[in-house]
Amino acid sequence: MTRTIALPRPRCPICALRAWVASKHSTCLSVGMFRTLVIVILTLVVVSSPARAQQVDTQAWEQLNVVIPIAPKLRVTLEEIARTSDRQGGVYTSEFGGLIGWQLAKGIELGVGYRYVSYYNGNTASDENRLRQQLVFTSGRFAGRLRLDERFSLSGGEIGFRVRPLLRYNLPIATNGVKLFVSHESFLLPNSTNWGQRAGYERMRNILGISVPLNKAVTADVGYLNQYRFARYGARAQMDHAPSVQLTINLGKLGVAGLHD
């Protein structure tokens, strides 16, 4: 008698990956949620595809935020940022500043702040004072921010304005607060200045990462950041690839999302 051996049906890679993630966490991902994440990841890959004439740089980005409540709907955020670059020969910028946030309603916050920005090594730009105004919202798994920057360069008297819309999607993957996230931010420059800012759509930033609560007050966002500077005014396009680490120490919850800078 001839025996028939039943071979297991091959599983598609996406189904296999979804099953593996579900086995590692106590909360399973729904098919719709997982498909959403895959679509966003594929979109980021397409956006990050290198062009032939562009420059490419490997960087590393770090940010520390300390959130301090000063009233029931008012908080101060102290911020520190450092970024390194292969092309710039090490640390090329640092930022120190603060932001006052006022909760207008549940999930909506108005903020105003200041930063001092320094440049080093291969980055020969003059240091800057920056003022910021922003509106942050949180709705379900989505979070967004509309920010207006005013840039005051130490080498020129004109003010450079920047409009920075940001959108982020968070995908819970565990009951302990661990989330996958993707975010996109565009930089729109309304004006040119005598110290170097040029009007137009200047750059975009895309981040794919994981947000992990380390305890009740501390959250770490770790991910891959892709920044693309468009070819403009005779300058070549540039693609930056960077690991990104953001640590947020939140001493008071207001129900408004913390977002990357």
Protein backbone atom coordinates (compact mmCIF):
# COMPACT_ATOMS: atom_id res chain seq x y z
CA MET A 1 0.00 0.00 0.00
CA THR A 2 1.29 3.45 -0.93
CA ARG A 3 1.34 5.92 1.95
CA THR A 4 0.44 9.53 1.35
CA ILE A 5 2.31 12.12 3.37
CA ALA A 6 0.48 15.40 3.92
CA LEU A 7 2.82 18.33 3.71
CA PRO A 8 2.06 21.47 5.74
CA ARG A 9 0.63 24.37 3.78
CA PRO A 10 3.16 27.17 3.31
CA ARG A 11 2.29 30.31 5.22
CA CYS A 12 2.62 33.76 3.74
CA PRO A 13 5.42 35.83 5.33
CA ILE A 14 3.01 38.46 6.67
CA CYS A 15 0.81 35.82 8.36
CA ALA A 16 3.87 34.16 9.87
CA LEU A 17 5.20 37.47 11.18
CA ARG A 18 1.82 38.37 12.64
CA ALA A 19 1.64 35.00 14.42
CA TRP A 20 5.14 35.46 15.83
CA VAL A 21 4.35 38.93 17.20
CA ALA A 22 1.12 37.66 18.73
CA SER A 23 2.99 34.80 20.42
CA LYS A 24 5.42 37.25 22.02
CA HIS A 25 2.84 39.59 23.51
CA SER A 26 -0.27 39.12 25.56
CA THR A 27 -2.44 41.17 23.19
CA CYS A 28 -2.83 39.86 19.63
CA LEU A 29 -2.81 42.24 16.68
CA SER A 30 -5.95 42.36 14.57
CA VAL A 31 -5.58 41.78 10.83
CA GLY A 32 -6.63 45.34 10.06
CA MET A 33 -4.16 46.85 12.53
CA PHE A 34 -1.30 44.79 11.19
CA ARG A 35 -2.13 45.59 7.57
CA THR A 36 -2.13 49.28 8.45
CA LEU A 37 1.35 49.01 9.91
CA VAL A 38 2.67 47.06 6.90
CA ILE A 39 1.28 49.66 4.48
CA VAL A 40 2.91 52.50 6.41
CA ILE A 41 6.25 50.65 6.55
CA LEU A 42 6.18 50.04 2.80
CA THR A 43 5.38 53.70 2.22
CA LEU A 44 8.40 54.73 4.28
CA VAL A 45 10.63 52.35 2.33
CA VAL A 46 9.48 53.86 -0.97
CA VAL A 47 9.99 57.40 0.33
CA SER A 48 13.49 56.49 1.55
CA SER A 49 14.66 54.99 -1.77
CA PRO A 50 17.90 56.77 -2.72
CA ALA A 51 18.12 59.05 -5.72
CA ARG A 52 21.22 58.87 -7.93
CA ALA A 53 22.44 62.44 -7.44
CA GLN A 54 21.84 62.81 -3.72
CA GLN A 55 24.29 62.81 -0.83
CA VAL A 56 23.89 60.22 1.92
CA ASP A 57 24.82 60.67 5.57
CA THR A 58 24.78 58.37 8.59
CA GLN A 59 23.77 60.14 11.77
CA ALA A 60 22.66 59.45 15.36
CA TRP A 61 19.95 61.47 17.17
CA GLU A 62 19.34 61.74 20.91
CA GLN A 63 16.71 63.71 22.83
CA LEU A 64 15.87 64.04 26.55
CA ASN A 65 12.59 65.58 27.77
CA VAL A 66 11.65 66.28 31.39
CA VAL A 67 7.97 67.16 31.85
CA ILE A 68 7.12 69.07 35.06
CA PRO A 69 3.53 69.93 36.07
CA ILE A 70 3.13 73.40 37.57
CA ALA A 71 -0.71 73.61 37.67
CA PRO A 72 -3.63 71.22 36.95
CA LYS A 73 -3.58 72.03 33.21
CA LEU A 74 -0.16 73.63 32.87
CA ARG A 75 3.24 72.00 32.46
CA VAL A 76 6.82 72.87 31.58
CA THR A 77 8.98 70.63 29.38
CA LEU A 78 12.76 70.97 29.56
CA GLU A 79 14.53 69.69 26.45
CA GLU A 80 18.03 68.63 25.39
CA ILE A 81 19.01 67.41 21.91
CA ALA A 82 22.32 66.21 20.42
CA ARG A 83 22.97 64.92 16.90
CA THR A 84 26.09 63.41 15.32
CA SER A 85 26.98 63.03 11.65
CA ASP A 86 29.60 61.14 9.67
CA ARG A 87 29.79 63.88 7.02
CA GLN A 88 30.05 66.63 9.65
CA GLY A 89 32.77 64.82 11.62
CA GLY A 90 30.96 64.14 14.91
CA VAL A 91 28.50 66.17 16.96
CA TYR A 92 27.19 68.84 14.59
CA THR A 93 24.33 70.37 16.57
CA SER A 94 22.92 70.63 20.09
CA GLU A 95 19.74 72.25 21.38
CA PHE A 96 18.69 73.31 24.86
CA GLY A 97 15.35 74.87 25.70
CA GLY A 98 11.97 74.70 27.31
CA LEU A 99 8.29 74.72 26.46
CA ILE A 100 5.20 75.77 28.43
CA GLY A 101 2.14 73.69 27.58
CA TRP A 102 -1.45 74.55 28.43
CA GLN A 103 -4.16 71.89 28.11
CA LEU A 104 -7.08 73.55 26.30
CA ALA A 105 -9.24 70.40 26.40
CA LYS A 106 -8.78 66.67 26.71
CA GLY A 107 -6.16 65.67 24.15
CA ILE A 108 -5.45 69.26 22.98
CA GLU A 109 -2.49 71.34 24.16
CA LEU A 110 -1.19 74.79 23.21
CA GLY A 111 2.54 75.36 23.72
CA VAL A 112 5.07 78.20 23.50
CA GLY A 113 8.80 77.80 23.97
CA TYR A 114 12.41 78.79 23.33
CA ARG A 115 15.59 76.98 22.27
CA TYR A 116 19.22 77.88 21.84
CA VAL A 117 20.76 75.94 18.93
CA SER A 118 24.54 75.49 18.57
CA TYR A 119 26.50 74.11 15.60
CA TYR A 120 29.88 72.32 15.64
CA ASN A 121 32.58 70.63 13.55
CA GLY A 122 31.66 70.54 9.85
CA ASN A 123 28.45 72.50 10.39
CA THR A 124 29.58 76.09 9.88
CA ALA A 125 26.17 77.76 10.35
CA SER A 126 25.87 80.45 13.03
CA ASP A 127 24.14 79.62 16.30
CA GLU A 128 20.44 80.43 16.61
CA ASN A 129 17.81 81.58 19.07
CA ARG A 130 14.45 79.99 18.30
CA LEU A 131 10.92 80.77 19.42
CA ARG A 132 8.16 78.18 18.97
CA GLN A 133 4.40 78.04 19.07
CA GLN A 134 2.59 74.76 18.63
CA LEU A 135 -0.76 72.99 18.87
CA VAL A 136 -0.68 69.29 19.82
CA PHE A 137 -3.62 66.89 19.61
CA THR A 138 -4.24 63.26 20.54
CA SER A 139 -7.17 61.25 19.17
CA GLY A 140 -7.21 57.48 19.67
CA ARG A 141 -4.07 56.06 18.07
CA PHE A 142 -3.27 59.26 16.22
CA ALA A 143 -1.28 62.23 17.50
CA GLY A 144 -0.34 65.38 15.65
CA ARG A 145 1.42 68.68 16.05
CA LEU A 146 1.39 71.94 14.10
CA ARG A 147 4.44 74.02 14.99
CA LEU A 148 5.62 77.48 13.93
CA ASP A 149 9.32 78.32 14.42
CA GLU A 150 10.91 81.76 14.38
CA ARG A 151 14.67 81.49 13.79
CA PHE A 152 17.02 84.29 14.88
CA SER A 153 20.53 83.67 13.51
CA LEU A 154 23.46 85.34 15.25
CA SER A 155 24.88 86.24 11.80
CA GLY A 156 21.85 88.12 10.45
CA GLY A 157 18.97 90.34 11.49
CA GLU A 158 16.18 88.75 9.46
CA ILE A 159 13.78 86.22 10.99
CA GLY A 160 13.38 82.82 9.34
CA PHE A 161 9.94 81.26 9.69
CA ARG A 162 9.22 77.51 9.51
CA VAL A 163 5.89 75.67 9.49
CA ARG A 164 6.18 72.06 10.69
CA PRO A 165 3.11 69.78 10.54
CA LEU A 166 3.64 66.34 12.15
CA LEU A 167 1.43 63.25 12.24
CA ARG A 168 2.07 60.07 14.26
CA TYR A 169 0.26 56.72 14.44
CA ASN A 170 0.68 54.44 17.49
CA LEU A 171 -0.06 50.70 17.32
CA PRO A 172 -0.35 48.94 20.72
CA ILE A 173 1.27 45.50 20.71
CA ALA A 174 1.17 44.60 24.41
CA THR A 175 -0.90 45.28 27.51
CA ASN A 176 2.06 46.93 29.29
CA GLY A 177 1.94 49.99 27.02
CA VAL A 178 4.48 48.95 24.38
CA LYS A 179 3.61 50.48 21.00
CA LEU A 180 4.95 50.51 17.49
CA PHE A 181 4.79 53.94 15.89
CA VAL A 182 5.34 55.71 12.59
CA SER A 183 5.53 59.47 12.14
CA HIS A 184 5.95 62.00 9.35
CA GLU A 185 6.96 65.66 9.61
CA SER A 186 7.33 68.22 6.82
CA PHE A 187 9.32 71.47 6.94
CA LEU A 188 7.74 74.35 4.99
CA LEU A 189 9.72 77.62 4.83
CA PRO A 190 7.56 80.66 3.93
CA ASN A 191 10.48 83.10 3.49
CA SER A 192 14.14 83.48 2.62
CA THR A 193 16.73 85.35 4.74
CA ASN A 194 20.08 87.05 4.19
CA TRP A 195 21.79 84.47 6.45
CA GLY A 196 20.88 81.39 4.44
CA GLN A 197 17.29 80.20 4.84
CA ARG A 198 15.59 79.61 1.48
CA ALA A 199 11.81 79.54 1.00
CA GLY A 200 10.03 76.36 -0.07
CA TYR A 201 9.48 72.74 0.95
CA GLU A 202 12.84 72.11 2.57
CA ARG A 203 12.79 68.60 4.10
CA MET A 204 10.76 65.76 5.57
CA ARG A 205 11.40 63.38 8.45
CA ASN A 206 9.98 59.88 8.80
CA ILE A 207 10.42 57.69 11.87
CA LEU A 208 9.57 54.02 12.42
CA GLY A 209 10.08 52.80 15.97
CA ILE A 210 8.89 51.31 19.21
CA SER A 211 7.76 53.13 22.36
CA VAL A 212 8.52 51.32 25.62
CA PRO A 213 7.43 52.51 29.09
CA LEU A 214 10.35 51.82 31.42
CA ASN A 215 8.26 52.68 34.48
CA LYS A 216 5.28 54.91 35.33
CA ALA A 217 7.19 58.11 34.63
CA VAL A 218 9.80 57.19 32.00
CA THR A 219 9.20 56.26 28.35
CA ALA A 220 11.81 55.43 25.70
CA ASP A 221 11.13 55.88 21.99
CA VAL A 222 13.70 53.99 19.91
CA GLY A 223 13.61 53.82 16.14
CA TYR A 224 14.97 54.45 12.68
CA LEU A 225 14.82 58.03 11.40
CA ASN A 226 14.98 58.93 7.72
CA GLN A 227 15.41 62.59 6.82
CA TYR A 228 15.31 63.80 3.23
CA ARG A 229 16.47 67.29 2.25
CA PHE A 230 15.24 68.25 -1.20
CA ALA A 231 17.58 69.54 -3.91
CA ARG A 232 17.01 73.29 -3.92
CA TYR A 233 18.75 76.47 -5.09
CA GLY A 234 21.66 74.54 -6.61
CA ALA A 235 22.30 72.34 -3.53
CA ARG A 236 22.20 68.54 -3.90
CA ALA A 237 19.53 66.48 -2.20
CA GLN A 238 20.62 64.68 0.97
CA MET A 239 19.34 61.51 2.62
CA ASP A 240 20.10 61.06 6.33
CA HIS A 241 19.83 57.67 8.06
CA ALA A 242 19.88 57.75 11.85
CA PRO A 243 19.08 55.65 14.90
CA SER A 244 16.87 57.83 17.09
CA VAL A 245 16.54 57.57 20.87
CA GLN A 246 14.20 59.80 22.86
CA LEU A 247 13.81 59.51 26.63
CA THR A 248 10.85 61.28 28.25
CA ILE A 249 10.56 61.68 32.01
CA ASN A 250 6.95 62.68 32.66
CA LEU A 251 6.33 63.84 36.22
CA GLY A 252 2.66 64.58 35.54
CA LYS A 253 0.18 63.17 33.02
CA LEU A 254 -2.01 65.60 31.04
CA GLY A 255 -3.25 63.14 28.43
CA VAL A 256 -1.34 64.77 25.56
CA ALA A 257 1.18 62.83 23.46
CA GLY A 258 4.91 63.44 23.60
CA LEU A 259 6.25 63.76 20.07
CA HIS A 260 9.70 63.74 18.48
CA ASP A 261 11.32 67.02 17.58
